[in-house]
Amino acid sequence: MIAAGLPVMFVLLFVILRLPDYSLLIGTAGLFLVLALVMYVTRNIDWDARDKEWRTPLMLAAIYGCNHTVQALLASGADTHARTLAGNTALIYAENNEHPLTAALLKKAQRQKETTA
């Protein structure tokens, strides 16, 4: 995929440099195509995939207190009620690892899901 993208990028740069009057338009179109490609490739990502200990990406982000990652996963629809084999949730991991902001984000997301359900 990278090998196919490199020639396309060089052609795009060549065209932009040769046609400075249209560089903004061409650059915008190129950015749109890249964004469309990223959206197409990531359309079937399972945000609740499990590792060998049955932890989800949301749980791992909560363990390490990665608030931006937690927000992104919640916005993508990650399950806040998912449990490991031991019964732990992302909220439990956030509280046990002393990440109060992460815990607050998870509690807010759970409240929002409960009110919309």
Foldseek 3Di string as FASTA:
>chain_A
DVVVVVVVVVVLVVVCVVCVVCNVVSVVVVVVVVVVVVCVVCVPDDQLDQDPQSHGPLLVCLLVLVQVSNVVSLVVPYDQCRATPVGDGSLNNNVVNVNVVSNVVSVVSVVVVVVVD
